Amino acid sequence: MLKLLIELVKKDLLIFWADKRALVITFAVPIGIASFLAPMIGNISGGGGTMDPIALLVVDQDQSAATKATIDRLSQSKSVKIQQVSLDVAKAKRWAEKSRRRWSSTKGSGPRQRQQ
């Protein structure tokens, strides 16, 4: 059974490598699309390739060494802004609503760009 599968894969690869159009579509088209889209994607994040850090609310109910280590490790990341809060649901809801309003007020800009 395995020998039959290997022979089938060999046959398909030989057909694939013989078809020049399939080779171009498989390799050149994705490179071309990526080359075309890369400048546009770079401009979404401000042109410099940097993005604002993602705000992350953390409620540490456990307060164990493992969660403390996880929070410390996340705090060291430049792409995440940690804000530790207590388990106050009303405060968390207010913060989320304020954050939602801030992001929705940036008309026409990317999701990570802030209005200045």
PDB file of N, CA and C in Angstrom:
ATOM      1  N   MET A   1       0.821  -1.188   0.000  1.00  0.00           N
ATOM      2  CA  MET A   1       0.000   0.000   0.000  1.00  0.00           C
ATOM      3  C   MET A   1       0.874   1.265   0.000  1.00  0.00           C
ATOM      4  N   LEU A   2       1.914   1.263   0.844  1.00  0.00           N
ATOM      5  CA  LEU A   2       2.808   2.415   0.927  1.00  0.00           C
ATOM      6  C   LEU A   2       3.584   2.589  -0.372  1.00  0.00           C
ATOM      7  N   LYS A   3       3.981   1.469  -0.974  1.00  0.00           N
ATOM      8  CA  LYS A   3       4.724   1.515  -2.227  1.00  0.00           C
ATOM      9  C   LYS A   3       3.864   2.137  -3.330  1.00  0.00           C
ATOM     10  N   LEU A   4       2.577   1.819  -3.338  1.00  0.00           N
ATOM     11  CA  LEU A   4       1.650   2.384  -4.311  1.00  0.00           C
ATOM     12  C   LEU A   4       1.507   3.892  -4.109  1.00  0.00           C
ATOM     13  N   LEU A   5       1.445   4.327  -2.873  1.00  0.00           N
ATOM     14  CA  LEU A   5       1.332   5.746  -2.563  1.00  0.00           C
ATOM     15  C   LEU A   5       2.586   6.499  -3.010  1.00  0.00           C
ATOM     16  N   ILE A   6       3.745   5.925  -2.780  1.00  0.00           N
ATOM     17  CA  ILE A   6       5.000   6.555  -3.191  1.00  0.00           C
ATOM     18  C   ILE A   6       5.054   6.687  -4.713  1.00  0.00           C
ATOM     19  N   GLU A   7       4.657   5.675  -5.415  1.00  0.00           N
ATOM     20  CA  GLU A   7       4.644   5.715  -6.878  1.00  0.00           C
ATOM     21  C   GLU A   7       3.668   6.777  -7.382  1.00  0.00           C
ATOM     22  N   LEU A   8       2.530   6.906  -6.733  1.00  0.00           N
ATOM     23  CA  LEU A   8       1.546   7.905  -7.108  1.00  0.00           C
ATOM     24  C   LEU A   8       2.087   9.320  -6.899  1.00  0.00           C
ATOM     25  N   VAL A   9       2.773   9.545  -5.788  1.00  0.00           N
ATOM     26  CA  VAL A   9       3.365  10.854  -5.504  1.00  0.00           C
ATOM     27  C   VAL A   9       4.453  11.166  -6.529  1.00  0.00           C
ATOM     28  N   LYS A  10       5.294  10.189  -6.863  1.00  0.00           N
ATOM     29  CA  LYS A  10       6.344  10.385  -7.871  1.00  0.00           C
ATOM     30  C   LYS A  10       5.741  10.780  -9.209  1.00  0.00           C
ATOM     31  N   LYS A  11       4.693  10.082  -9.615  1.00  0.00           N
ATOM     32  CA  LYS A  11       4.040  10.371 -10.891  1.00  0.00           C
ATOM     33  C   LYS A  11       3.483  11.783 -10.897  1.00  0.00           C
ATOM     34  N   ASP A  12       2.811  12.183  -9.834  1.00  0.00           N
ATOM     35  CA  ASP A  12       2.230  13.527  -9.762  1.00  0.00           C
ATOM     36  C   ASP A  12       3.304  14.608  -9.753  1.00  0.00           C
ATOM     37  N   LEU A  13       4.413  14.375  -9.067  1.00  0.00           N
ATOM     38  CA  LEU A  13       5.507  15.355  -9.062  1.00  0.00           C
ATOM     39  C   LEU A  13       6.137  15.498 -10.440  1.00  0.00           C
ATOM     40  N   LEU A  14       6.310  14.402 -11.148  1.00  0.00           N
ATOM     41  CA  LEU A  14       6.853  14.469 -12.506  1.00  0.00           C
ATOM     42  C   LEU A  14       5.933  15.265 -13.425  1.00  0.00           C
ATOM     43  N   ILE A  15       4.648  15.037 -13.320  1.00  0.00           N
ATOM     44  CA  ILE A  15       3.682  15.798 -14.124  1.00  0.00           C
ATOM     45  C   ILE A  15       3.734  17.273 -13.745  1.00  0.00           C
ATOM     46  N   PHE A  16       3.809  17.558 -12.435  1.00  0.00           N
ATOM     47  CA  PHE A  16       3.843  18.936 -11.947  1.00  0.00           C
ATOM     48  C   PHE A  16       5.084  19.663 -12.459  1.00  0.00           C
ATOM     49  N   TRP A  17       6.256  19.047 -12.338  1.00  0.00           N
ATOM     50  CA  TRP A  17       7.493  19.695 -12.768  1.00  0.00           C
ATOM     51  C   TRP A  17       7.561  19.865 -14.286  1.00  0.00           C
ATOM     52  N   ALA A  18       6.840  19.052 -15.034  1.00  0.00           N
ATOM     53  CA  ALA A  18       6.830  19.171 -16.491  1.00  0.00           C
ATOM     54  C   ALA A  18       5.909  20.302 -16.957  1.00  0.00           C
ATOM     55  N   ASP A  19       4.962  20.690 -16.144  1.00  0.00           N
ATOM     56  CA  ASP A  19       3.994  21.730 -16.507  1.00  0.00           C
ATOM     57  C   ASP A  19       4.537  23.101 -16.089  1.00  0.00           C
ATOM     58  N   LYS A  20       5.040  23.863 -17.062  1.00  0.00           N
ATOM     59  CA  LYS A  20       5.667  25.160 -16.775  1.00  0.00           C
ATOM     60  C   LYS A  20       4.654  26.168 -16.234  1.00  0.00           C
ATOM     61  N   ARG A  21       3.442  26.112 -16.709  1.00  0.00           N
ATOM     62  CA  ARG A  21       2.409  27.034 -16.235  1.00  0.00           C
ATOM     63  C   ARG A  21       2.116  26.796 -14.749  1.00  0.00           C
ATOM     64  N   ALA A  22       2.057  25.549 -14.358  1.00  0.00           N
ATOM     65  CA  ALA A  22       1.813  25.227 -12.944  1.00  0.00           C
ATOM     66  C   ALA A  22       2.968  25.711 -12.070  1.00  0.00           C
ATOM     67  N   LEU A  23       4.195  25.601 -12.570  1.00  0.00           N
ATOM     68  CA  LEU A  23       5.356  26.089 -11.810  1.00  0.00           C
ATOM     69  C   LEU A  23       5.290  27.599 -11.609  1.00  0.00           C
ATOM     70  N   VAL A  24       4.941  28.333 -12.669  1.00  0.00           N
ATOM     71  CA  VAL A  24       4.842  29.790 -12.562  1.00  0.00           C
ATOM     72  C   VAL A  24       3.749  30.174 -11.576  1.00  0.00           C
ATOM     73  N   ILE A  25       2.607  29.548 -11.697  1.00  0.00           N
ATOM     74  CA  ILE A  25       1.492  29.869 -10.803  1.00  0.00           C
ATOM     75  C   ILE A  25       1.847  29.525  -9.363  1.00  0.00           C
ATOM     76  N   THR A  26       2.533  28.436  -9.149  1.00  0.00           N
ATOM     77  CA  THR A  26       2.864  28.005  -7.795  1.00  0.00           C
ATOM     78  C   THR A  26       3.897  28.901  -7.121  1.00  0.00           C
ATOM     79  N   PHE A  27       4.899  29.356  -7.865  1.00  0.00           N
ATOM     80  CA  PHE A  27       5.995  30.093  -7.244  1.00  0.00           C
ATOM     81  C   PHE A  27       5.991  31.590  -7.554  1.00  0.00           C
ATOM     82  N   ALA A  28       5.831  31.961  -8.802  1.00  0.00           N
ATOM     83  CA  ALA A  28       5.963  33.369  -9.180  1.00  0.00           C
ATOM     84  C   ALA A  28       4.759  34.207  -8.766  1.00  0.00           C
ATOM     85  N   VAL A  29       3.573  33.685  -8.896  1.00  0.00           N
ATOM     86  CA  VAL A  29       2.381  34.467  -8.568  1.00  0.00           C
ATOM     87  C   VAL A  29       2.341  34.848  -7.089  1.00  0.00           C
ATOM     88  N   PRO A  30       2.561  33.944  -6.141  1.00  0.00           N
ATOM     89  CA  PRO A  30       2.566  34.379  -4.733  1.00  0.00           C
ATOM     90  C   PRO A  30       3.647  35.411  -4.430  1.00  0.00           C
ATOM     91  N   ILE A  31       4.814  35.272  -5.051  1.00  0.00           N
ATOM     92  CA  ILE A  31       5.878  36.269  -4.840  1.00  0.00           C
ATOM     93  C   ILE A  31       5.443  37.613  -5.410  1.00  0.00           C
ATOM     94  N   GLY A  32       4.823  37.606  -6.570  1.00  0.00           N
ATOM     95  CA  GLY A  32       4.337  38.842  -7.174  1.00  0.00           C
ATOM     96  C   GLY A  32       3.257  39.510  -6.346  1.00  0.00           C
ATOM     97  N   ILE A  33       2.324  38.732  -5.839  1.00  0.00           N
ATOM     98  CA  ILE A  33       1.254  39.288  -5.004  1.00  0.00           C
ATOM     99  C   ILE A  33       1.836  39.866  -3.720  1.00  0.00           C
ATOM    100  N   ALA A  34       2.747  39.160  -3.090  1.00  0.00           N
ATOM    101  CA  ALA A  34       3.363  39.656  -1.858  1.00  0.00           C
ATOM    102  C   ALA A  34       4.154  40.932  -2.122  1.00  0.00           C
ATOM    103  N   SER A  35       4.850  40.995  -3.251  1.00  0.00           N
ATOM    104  CA  SER A  35       5.608  42.196  -3.595  1.00  0.00           C
ATOM    105  C   SER A  35       4.691  43.377  -3.854  1.00  0.00           C
ATOM    106  N   PHE A  36       3.534  43.117  -4.403  1.00  0.00           N
ATOM    107  CA  PHE A  36       2.566  44.174  -4.684  1.00  0.00           C
ATOM    108  C   PHE A  36       1.900  44.675  -3.404  1.00  0.00           C
ATOM    109  N   LEU A  37       1.559  43.759  -2.496  1.00  0.00           N
ATOM    110  CA  LEU A  37       0.829  44.132  -1.286  1.00  0.00           C
ATOM    111  C   LEU A  37       1.718  44.634  -0.150  1.00  0.00           C
ATOM    112  N   ALA A  38       2.987  44.289  -0.145  1.00  0.00           N
ATOM    113  CA  ALA A  38       3.873  44.662   0.966  1.00  0.00           C
ATOM    114  C   ALA A  38       3.937  46.164   1.206  1.00  0.00           C
ATOM    115  N   PRO A  39       4.087  47.007   0.183  1.00  0.00           N
ATOM    116  CA  PRO A  39       4.116  48.447   0.456  1.00  0.00           C
ATOM    117  C   PRO A  39       2.811  48.972   1.039  1.00  0.00           C
ATOM    118  N   MET A  40       1.687  48.421   0.583  1.00  0.00           N
ATOM    119  CA  MET A  40       0.399  48.871   1.104  1.00  0.00           C
ATOM    120  C   MET A  40       0.214  48.458   2.553  1.00  0.00           C
ATOM    121  N   ILE A  41       0.603  47.256   2.885  1.00  0.00           N
ATOM    122  CA  ILE A  41       0.474  46.782   4.268  1.00  0.00           C
ATOM    123  C   ILE A  41       1.415  47.555   5.170  1.00  0.00           C
ATOM    124  N   GLY A  42       2.583  47.909   4.672  1.00  0.00           N
ATOM    125  CA  GLY A  42       3.518  48.717   5.443  1.00  0.00           C
ATOM    126  C   GLY A  42       2.961  50.091   5.742  1.00  0.00           C
ATOM    127  N   ASN A  43       2.194  50.672   4.815  1.00  0.00           N
ATOM    128  CA  ASN A  43       1.621  51.993   5.019  1.00  0.00           C
ATOM    129  C   ASN A  43       0.485  51.983   6.030  1.00  0.00           C
ATOM    130  N   ILE A  44      -0.198  50.875   6.182  1.00  0.00           N
ATOM    131  CA  ILE A  44      -1.270  50.791   7.161  1.00  0.00           C
ATOM    132  C   ILE A  44      -0.718  51.006   8.564  1.00  0.00           C
ATOM    133  N   SER A  45       0.440  50.474   8.816  1.00  0.00           N
ATOM    134  CA  SER A  45       1.017  50.582  10.155  1.00  0.00           C
ATOM    135  C   SER A  45       1.877  51.826  10.325  1.00  0.00           C
ATOM    136  N   GLY A  46       1.698  52.813   9.478  1.00  0.00           N
ATOM    137  CA  GLY A  46       2.418  54.062   9.646  1.00  0.00           C
ATOM    138  C   GLY A  46       3.635  54.195   8.757  1.00  0.00           C
ATOM    139  N   GLY A  47       3.879  53.248   7.899  1.00  0.00           N
ATOM    140  CA  GLY A  47       4.985  53.342   6.963  1.00  0.00           C
ATOM    141  C   GLY A  47       6.304  52.852   7.516  1.00  0.00           C
ATOM    142  N   GLY A  48       6.487  52.933   8.819  1.00  0.00           N
ATOM    143  CA  GLY A  48       7.749  52.527   9.399  1.00  0.00           C
ATOM    144  C   GLY A  48       7.762  51.077   9.819  1.00  0.00           C
ATOM    145  N   GLY A  49       6.655  50.399   9.665  1.00  0.00           N
ATOM    146  CA  GLY A  49       6.603  49.004  10.055  1.00  0.00           C
ATOM    147  C   GLY A  49       6.363  48.799  11.541  1.00  0.00           C
ATOM    148  N   THR A  50       6.025  49.864  12.267  1.00  0.00           N
ATOM    149  CA  THR A  50       5.753  49.720  13.689  1.00  0.00           C
ATOM    150  C   THR A  50       4.267  49.948  13.939  1.00  0.00           C
ATOM    151  N   MET A  51       3.770  49.299  14.946  1.00  0.00           N
ATOM    152  CA  MET A  51       2.359  49.427  15.300  1.00  0.00           C
ATOM    153  C   MET A  51       2.251  49.795  16.769  1.00  0.00           C
ATOM    154  N   ASP A  52       1.150  50.418  17.115  1.00  0.00           N
ATOM    155  CA  ASP A  52       0.895  50.720  18.517  1.00  0.00           C
ATOM    156  C   ASP A  52       0.730  49.409  19.279  1.00  0.00           C
ATOM    157  N   PRO A  53       1.145  49.381  20.540  1.00  0.00           N
ATOM    158  CA  PRO A  53       0.972  48.152  21.306  1.00  0.00           C
ATOM    159  C   PRO A  53      -0.509  47.846  21.544  1.00  0.00           C
ATOM    160  N   ILE A  54      -0.807  46.574  21.651  1.00  0.00           N
ATOM    161  CA  ILE A  54      -2.167  46.124  21.914  1.00  0.00           C
ATOM    162  C   ILE A  54      -2.419  46.230  23.412  1.00  0.00           C
ATOM    163  N   ALA A  55      -3.507  46.902  23.786  1.00  0.00           N
ATOM    164  CA  ALA A  55      -3.859  47.032  25.194  1.00  0.00           C
ATOM    165  C   ALA A  55      -4.480  45.723  25.675  1.00  0.00           C
ATOM    166  N   LEU A  56      -4.006  45.227  26.799  1.00  0.00           N
ATOM    167  CA  LEU A  56      -4.472  43.950  27.326  1.00  0.00           C
ATOM    168  C   LEU A  56      -4.771  44.100  28.811  1.00  0.00           C
ATOM    169  N   LEU A  57      -6.031  43.904  29.188  1.00  0.00           N
ATOM    170  CA  LEU A  57      -6.419  43.916  30.595  1.00  0.00           C
ATOM    171  C   LEU A  57      -6.122  42.557  31.196  1.00  0.00           C
ATOM    172  N   VAL A  58      -5.529  42.543  32.381  1.00  0.00           N
ATOM    173  CA  VAL A  58      -5.193  41.282  33.042  1.00  0.00           C
ATOM    174  C   VAL A  58      -5.780  41.303  34.437  1.00  0.00           C
ATOM    175  N   VAL A  59      -6.552  40.271  34.749  1.00  0.00           N
ATOM    176  CA  VAL A  59      -7.086  40.071  36.096  1.00  0.00           C
ATOM    177  C   VAL A  59      -6.436  38.803  36.627  1.00  0.00           C
ATOM    178  N   ASP A  60      -5.569  38.950  37.613  1.00  0.00           N
ATOM    179  CA  ASP A  60      -4.839  37.811  38.165  1.00  0.00           C
ATOM    180  C   ASP A  60      -5.543  37.316  39.427  1.00  0.00           C
ATOM    181  N   GLN A  61      -6.511  36.433  39.249  1.00  0.00           N
ATOM    182  CA  GLN A  61      -7.236  35.882  40.396  1.00  0.00           C
ATOM    183  C   GLN A  61      -6.396  34.849  41.123  1.00  0.00           C
ATOM    184  N   ASP A  62      -5.597  34.132  40.393  1.00  0.00           N
ATOM    185  CA  ASP A  62      -4.805  33.044  40.944  1.00  0.00           C
ATOM    186  C   ASP A  62      -3.647  33.568  41.805  1.00  0.00           C
ATOM    187  N   GLN A  63      -2.966  34.577  41.323  1.00  0.00           N
ATOM    188  CA  GLN A  63      -1.794  35.173  41.952  1.00  0.00           C
ATOM    189  C   GLN A  63      -0.720  34.142  42.308  1.00  0.00           C
ATOM    190  N   SER A  64      -0.548  33.195  41.383  1.00  0.00           N
ATOM    191  CA  SER A  64       0.488  32.178  41.572  1.00  0.00           C
ATOM    192  C   SER A  64       1.772  32.629  40.884  1.00  0.00           C
ATOM    193  N   ALA A  65       2.821  31.870  41.077  1.00  0.00           N
ATOM    194  CA  ALA A  65       4.105  32.185  40.458  1.00  0.00           C
ATOM    195  C   ALA A  65       4.015  32.061  38.935  1.00  0.00           C
ATOM    196  N   ALA A  66       3.227  31.114  38.464  1.00  0.00           N
ATOM    197  CA  ALA A  66       3.098  30.904  37.017  1.00  0.00           C
ATOM    198  C   ALA A  66       2.411  32.087  36.351  1.00  0.00           C
ATOM    199  N   THR A  67       1.335  32.578  36.950  1.00  0.00           N
ATOM    200  CA  THR A  67       0.653  33.720  36.343  1.00  0.00           C
ATOM    201  C   THR A  67       1.499  34.977  36.444  1.00  0.00           C
ATOM    202  N   LYS A  68       2.216  35.129  37.542  1.00  0.00           N
ATOM    203  CA  LYS A  68       3.095  36.291  37.697  1.00  0.00           C
ATOM    204  C   LYS A  68       4.198  36.260  36.625  1.00  0.00           C
ATOM    205  N   ALA A  69       4.766  35.084  36.374  1.00  0.00           N
ATOM    206  CA  ALA A  69       5.801  34.950  35.352  1.00  0.00           C
ATOM    207  C   ALA A  69       5.234  35.248  33.962  1.00  0.00           C
ATOM    208  N   THR A  70       4.003  34.789  33.707  1.00  0.00           N
ATOM    209  CA  THR A  70       3.366  35.047  32.422  1.00  0.00           C
ATOM    210  C   THR A  70       3.129  36.534  32.219  1.00  0.00           C
ATOM    211  N   ILE A  71       2.635  37.199  33.241  1.00  0.00           N
ATOM    212  CA  ILE A  71       2.378  38.639  33.156  1.00  0.00           C
ATOM    213  C   ILE A  71       3.686  39.399  32.978  1.00  0.00           C
ATOM    214  N   ASP A  72       4.722  39.006  33.701  1.00  0.00           N
ATOM    215  CA  ASP A  72       6.028  39.659  33.561  1.00  0.00           C
ATOM    216  C   ASP A  72       6.576  39.494  32.148  1.00  0.00           C
ATOM    217  N   ARG A  73       6.409  38.310  31.608  1.00  0.00           N
ATOM    218  CA  ARG A  73       6.913  38.050  30.255  1.00  0.00           C
ATOM    219  C   ARG A  73       6.144  38.853  29.222  1.00  0.00           C
ATOM    220  N   LEU A  74       4.831  38.958  29.385  1.00  0.00           N
ATOM    221  CA  LEU A  74       4.032  39.768  28.475  1.00  0.00           C
ATOM    222  C   LEU A  74       4.382  41.246  28.604  1.00  0.00           C
ATOM    223  N   SER A  75       4.688  41.692  29.817  1.00  0.00           N
ATOM    224  CA  SER A  75       5.034  43.097  30.057  1.00  0.00           C
ATOM    225  C   SER A  75       6.323  43.489  29.340  1.00  0.00           C
ATOM    226  N   GLN A  76       7.206  42.542  29.128  1.00  0.00           N
ATOM    227  CA  GLN A  76       8.473  42.821  28.461  1.00  0.00           C
ATOM    228  C   GLN A  76       8.310  42.995  26.957  1.00  0.00           C
ATOM    229  N   SER A  77       7.191  42.538  26.429  1.00  0.00           N
ATOM    230  CA  SER A  77       6.953  42.646  24.992  1.00  0.00           C
ATOM    231  C   SER A  77       6.617  44.085  24.620  1.00  0.00           C
ATOM    232  N   LYS A  78       7.158  44.539  23.504  1.00  0.00           N
ATOM    233  CA  LYS A  78       6.870  45.892  23.030  1.00  0.00           C
ATOM    234  C   LYS A  78       5.536  45.961  22.309  1.00  0.00           C
ATOM    235  N   SER A  79       4.995  44.815  21.924  1.00  0.00           N
ATOM    236  CA  SER A  79       3.754  44.817  21.161  1.00  0.00           C
ATOM    237  C   SER A  79       2.507  44.702  22.033  1.00  0.00           C
ATOM    238  N   VAL A  80       2.690  44.532  23.348  1.00  0.00           N
ATOM    239  CA  VAL A  80       1.557  44.393  24.257  1.00  0.00           C
ATOM    240  C   VAL A  80       1.721  45.376  25.408  1.00  0.00           C
ATOM    241  N   LYS A  81       0.645  46.105  25.704  1.00  0.00           N
ATOM    242  CA  LYS A  81       0.632  47.016  26.843  1.00  0.00           C
ATOM    243  C   LYS A  81      -0.282  46.400  27.905  1.00  0.00           C
ATOM    244  N   ILE A  82       0.310  45.949  29.008  1.00  0.00           N
ATOM    245  CA  ILE A  82      -0.423  45.261  30.070  1.00  0.00           C
ATOM    246  C   ILE A  82      -0.968  46.280  31.061  1.00  0.00           C
ATOM    247  N   GLN A  83      -2.232  46.087  31.421  1.00  0.00           N
ATOM    248  CA  GLN A  83      -2.818  46.873  32.494  1.00  0.00           C
ATOM    249  C   GLN A  83      -3.500  45.887  33.442  1.00  0.00           C
ATOM    250  N   GLN A  84      -2.949  45.758  34.654  1.00  0.00           N
ATOM    251  CA  GLN A  84      -3.531  44.853  35.632  1.00  0.00           C
ATOM    252  C   GLN A  84      -4.655  45.561  36.365  1.00  0.00           C
ATOM    253  N   VAL A  85      -5.775  44.885  36.484  1.00  0.00           N
ATOM    254  CA  VAL A  85      -6.927  45.432  37.190  1.00  0.00           C
ATOM    255  C   VAL A  85      -7.450  44.394  38.169  1.00  0.00           C
ATOM    256  N   SER A  86      -8.192  44.873  39.148  1.00  0.00           N
ATOM    257  CA  SER A  86      -8.826  43.942  40.082  1.00  0.00           C
ATOM    258  C   SER A  86     -10.083  43.382  39.429  1.00  0.00           C
ATOM    259  N   LEU A  87     -10.686  42.440  40.090  1.00  0.00           N
ATOM    260  CA  LEU A  87     -11.875  41.800  39.531  1.00  0.00           C
ATOM    261  C   LEU A  87     -13.093  42.675  39.792  1.00  0.00           C
ATOM    262  N   ASP A  88     -13.083  43.824  39.219  1.00  0.00           N
ATOM    263  CA  ASP A  88     -14.203  44.742  39.318  1.00  0.00           C
ATOM    264  C   ASP A  88     -14.831  44.797  37.930  1.00  0.00           C
ATOM    265  N   VAL A  89     -15.921  44.109  37.764  1.00  0.00           N
ATOM    266  CA  VAL A  89     -16.535  43.970  36.449  1.00  0.00           C
ATOM    267  C   VAL A  89     -16.949  45.326  35.892  1.00  0.00           C
ATOM    268  N   ALA A  90     -17.482  46.187  36.734  1.00  0.00           N
ATOM    269  CA  ALA A  90     -17.927  47.491  36.261  1.00  0.00           C
ATOM    270  C   ALA A  90     -16.754  48.300  35.703  1.00  0.00           C
ATOM    271  N   LYS A  91     -15.621  48.247  36.383  1.00  0.00           N
ATOM    272  CA  LYS A  91     -14.438  48.971  35.919  1.00  0.00           C
ATOM    273  C   LYS A  91     -13.958  48.415  34.588  1.00  0.00           C
ATOM    274  N   ALA A  92     -13.944  47.106  34.471  1.00  0.00           N
ATOM    275  CA  ALA A  92     -13.510  46.477  33.218  1.00  0.00           C
ATOM    276  C   ALA A  92     -14.450  46.845  32.078  1.00  0.00           C
ATOM    277  N   LYS A  93     -15.758  46.874  32.347  1.00  0.00           N
ATOM    278  CA  LYS A  93     -16.724  47.241  31.309  1.00  0.00           C
ATOM    279  C   LYS A  93     -16.534  48.695  30.893  1.00  0.00           C
ATOM    280  N   ARG A  94     -16.310  49.575  31.844  1.00  0.00           N
ATOM    281  CA  ARG A  94     -16.098  50.990  31.516  1.00  0.00           C
ATOM    282  C   ARG A  94     -14.838  51.151  30.662  1.00  0.00           C
ATOM    283  N   TRP A  95     -13.786  50.453  31.033  1.00  0.00           N
ATOM    284  CA  TRP A  95     -12.539  50.546  30.283  1.00  0.00           C
ATOM    285  C   TRP A  95     -12.736  50.035  28.862  1.00  0.00           C
ATOM    286  N   ALA A  96     -13.446  48.908  28.721  1.00  0.00           N
ATOM    287  CA  ALA A  96     -13.679  48.337  27.395  1.00  0.00           C
ATOM    288  C   ALA A  96     -14.523  49.282  26.544  1.00  0.00           C
ATOM    289  N   GLU A  97     -15.525  49.902  27.132  1.00  0.00           N
ATOM    290  CA  GLU A  97     -16.372  50.839  26.391  1.00  0.00           C
ATOM    291  C   GLU A  97     -15.572  52.058  25.947  1.00  0.00           C
ATOM    292  N   LYS A  98     -14.737  52.588  26.837  1.00  0.00           N
ATOM    293  CA  LYS A  98     -13.899  53.737  26.496  1.00  0.00           C
ATOM    294  C   LYS A  98     -12.939  53.368  25.364  1.00  0.00           C
ATOM    295  N   SER A  99     -12.366  52.182  25.433  1.00  0.00           N
ATOM    296  CA  SER A  99     -11.444  51.726  24.404  1.00  0.00           C
ATOM    297  C   SER A  99     -12.161  51.539  23.072  1.00  0.00           C
ATOM    298  N   ARG A 100     -13.363  50.975  23.118  1.00  0.00           N
ATOM    299  CA  ARG A 100     -14.146  50.762  21.898  1.00  0.00           C
ATOM    300  C   ARG A 100     -14.488  52.093  21.236  1.00  0.00           C
ATOM    301  N   ARG A 101     -14.877  53.086  22.039  1.00  0.00           N
ATOM    302  CA  ARG A 101     -15.207  54.402  21.487  1.00  0.00           C
ATOM    303  C   ARG A 101     -13.976  55.059  20.872  1.00  0.00           C
ATOM    304  N   ARG A 102     -12.831  54.882  21.507  1.00  0.00           N
ATOM    305  CA  ARG A 102     -11.607  55.481  20.979  1.00  0.00           C
ATOM    306  C   ARG A 102     -11.271  54.902  19.617  1.00  0.00           C
ATOM    307  N   TRP A 103     -11.367  53.567  19.472  1.00  0.00           N
ATOM    308  CA  TRP A 103     -11.021  52.943  18.193  1.00  0.00           C
ATOM    309  C   TRP A 103     -12.065  53.234  17.133  1.00  0.00           C
ATOM    310  N   SER A 104     -13.333  53.336  17.515  1.00  0.00           N
ATOM    311  CA  SER A 104     -14.365  53.590  16.512  1.00  0.00           C
ATOM    312  C   SER A 104     -14.358  55.037  16.050  1.00  0.00           C
ATOM    313  N   SER A 105     -13.701  55.925  16.777  1.00  0.00           N
ATOM    314  CA  SER A 105     -13.668  57.332  16.375  1.00  0.00           C
ATOM    315  C   SER A 105     -12.595  57.622  15.337  1.00  0.00           C
ATOM    316  N   THR A 106     -11.763  56.646  15.001  1.00  0.00           N
ATOM    317  CA  THR A 106     -10.707  56.853  14.003  1.00  0.00           C
ATOM    318  C   THR A 106     -11.266  56.514  12.633  1.00  0.00           C
ATOM    319  N   LYS A 107     -11.990  57.456  12.052  1.00  0.00           N
ATOM    320  CA  LYS A 107     -12.663  57.233  10.766  1.00  0.00           C
ATOM    321  C   LYS A 107     -11.655  57.151   9.636  1.00  0.00           C
ATOM    322  N   GLY A 108     -11.777  56.102   8.832  1.00  0.00           N
ATOM    323  CA  GLY A 108     -10.987  55.981   7.629  1.00  0.00           C
ATOM    324  C   GLY A 108      -9.549  55.540   7.826  1.00  0.00           C
ATOM    325  N   SER A 109      -9.108  55.385   9.051  1.00  0.00           N
ATOM    326  CA  SER A 109      -7.728  54.962   9.255  1.00  0.00           C
ATOM    327  C   SER A 109      -7.714  53.493   9.629  1.00  0.00           C
ATOM    328  N   GLY A 110      -6.534  52.929   9.684  1.00  0.00           N
ATOM    329  CA  GLY A 110      -6.401  51.522  10.018  1.00  0.00           C
ATOM    330  C   GLY A 110      -6.808  51.251  11.451  1.00  0.00           C
ATOM    331  N   PRO A 111      -7.025  50.012  11.797  1.00  0.00           N
ATOM    332  CA  PRO A 111      -7.510  49.677  13.136  1.00  0.00           C
ATOM    333  C   PRO A 111      -6.508  49.987  14.243  1.00  0.00           C
ATOM    334  N   ARG A 112      -5.236  50.120  13.934  1.00  0.00           N
ATOM    335  CA  ARG A 112      -4.239  50.353  14.955  1.00  0.00           C
ATOM    336  C   ARG A 112      -3.768  51.818  14.998  1.00  0.00           C
ATOM    337  N   GLN A 113      -4.283  52.646  14.102  1.00  0.00           N
ATOM    338  CA  GLN A 113      -3.844  54.025  14.083  1.00  0.00           C
ATOM    339  C   GLN A 113      -4.743  54.867  14.983  1.00  0.00           C
ATOM    340  N   ARG A 114      -4.126  55.772  15.692  1.00  0.00           N
ATOM    341  CA  ARG A 114      -4.875  56.646  16.574  1.00  0.00           C
ATOM    342  C   ARG A 114      -5.010  58.018  15.948  1.00  0.00           C
ATOM    343  N   GLN A 115      -6.099  58.666  16.266  1.00  0.00           N
ATOM    344  CA  GLN A 115      -6.319  60.015  15.780  1.00  0.00           C
ATOM    345  C   GLN A 115      -5.480  60.974  16.606  1.00  0.00           C
ATOM    346  N   GLN A 116      -4.821  61.918  15.954  1.00  0.00           N
ATOM    347  CA  GLN A 116      -3.950  62.838  16.688  1.00  0.00           C
ATOM    348  C   GLN A 116      -4.417  64.249  16.574  1.00  0.00           C
TER     349      GLN A 116
END
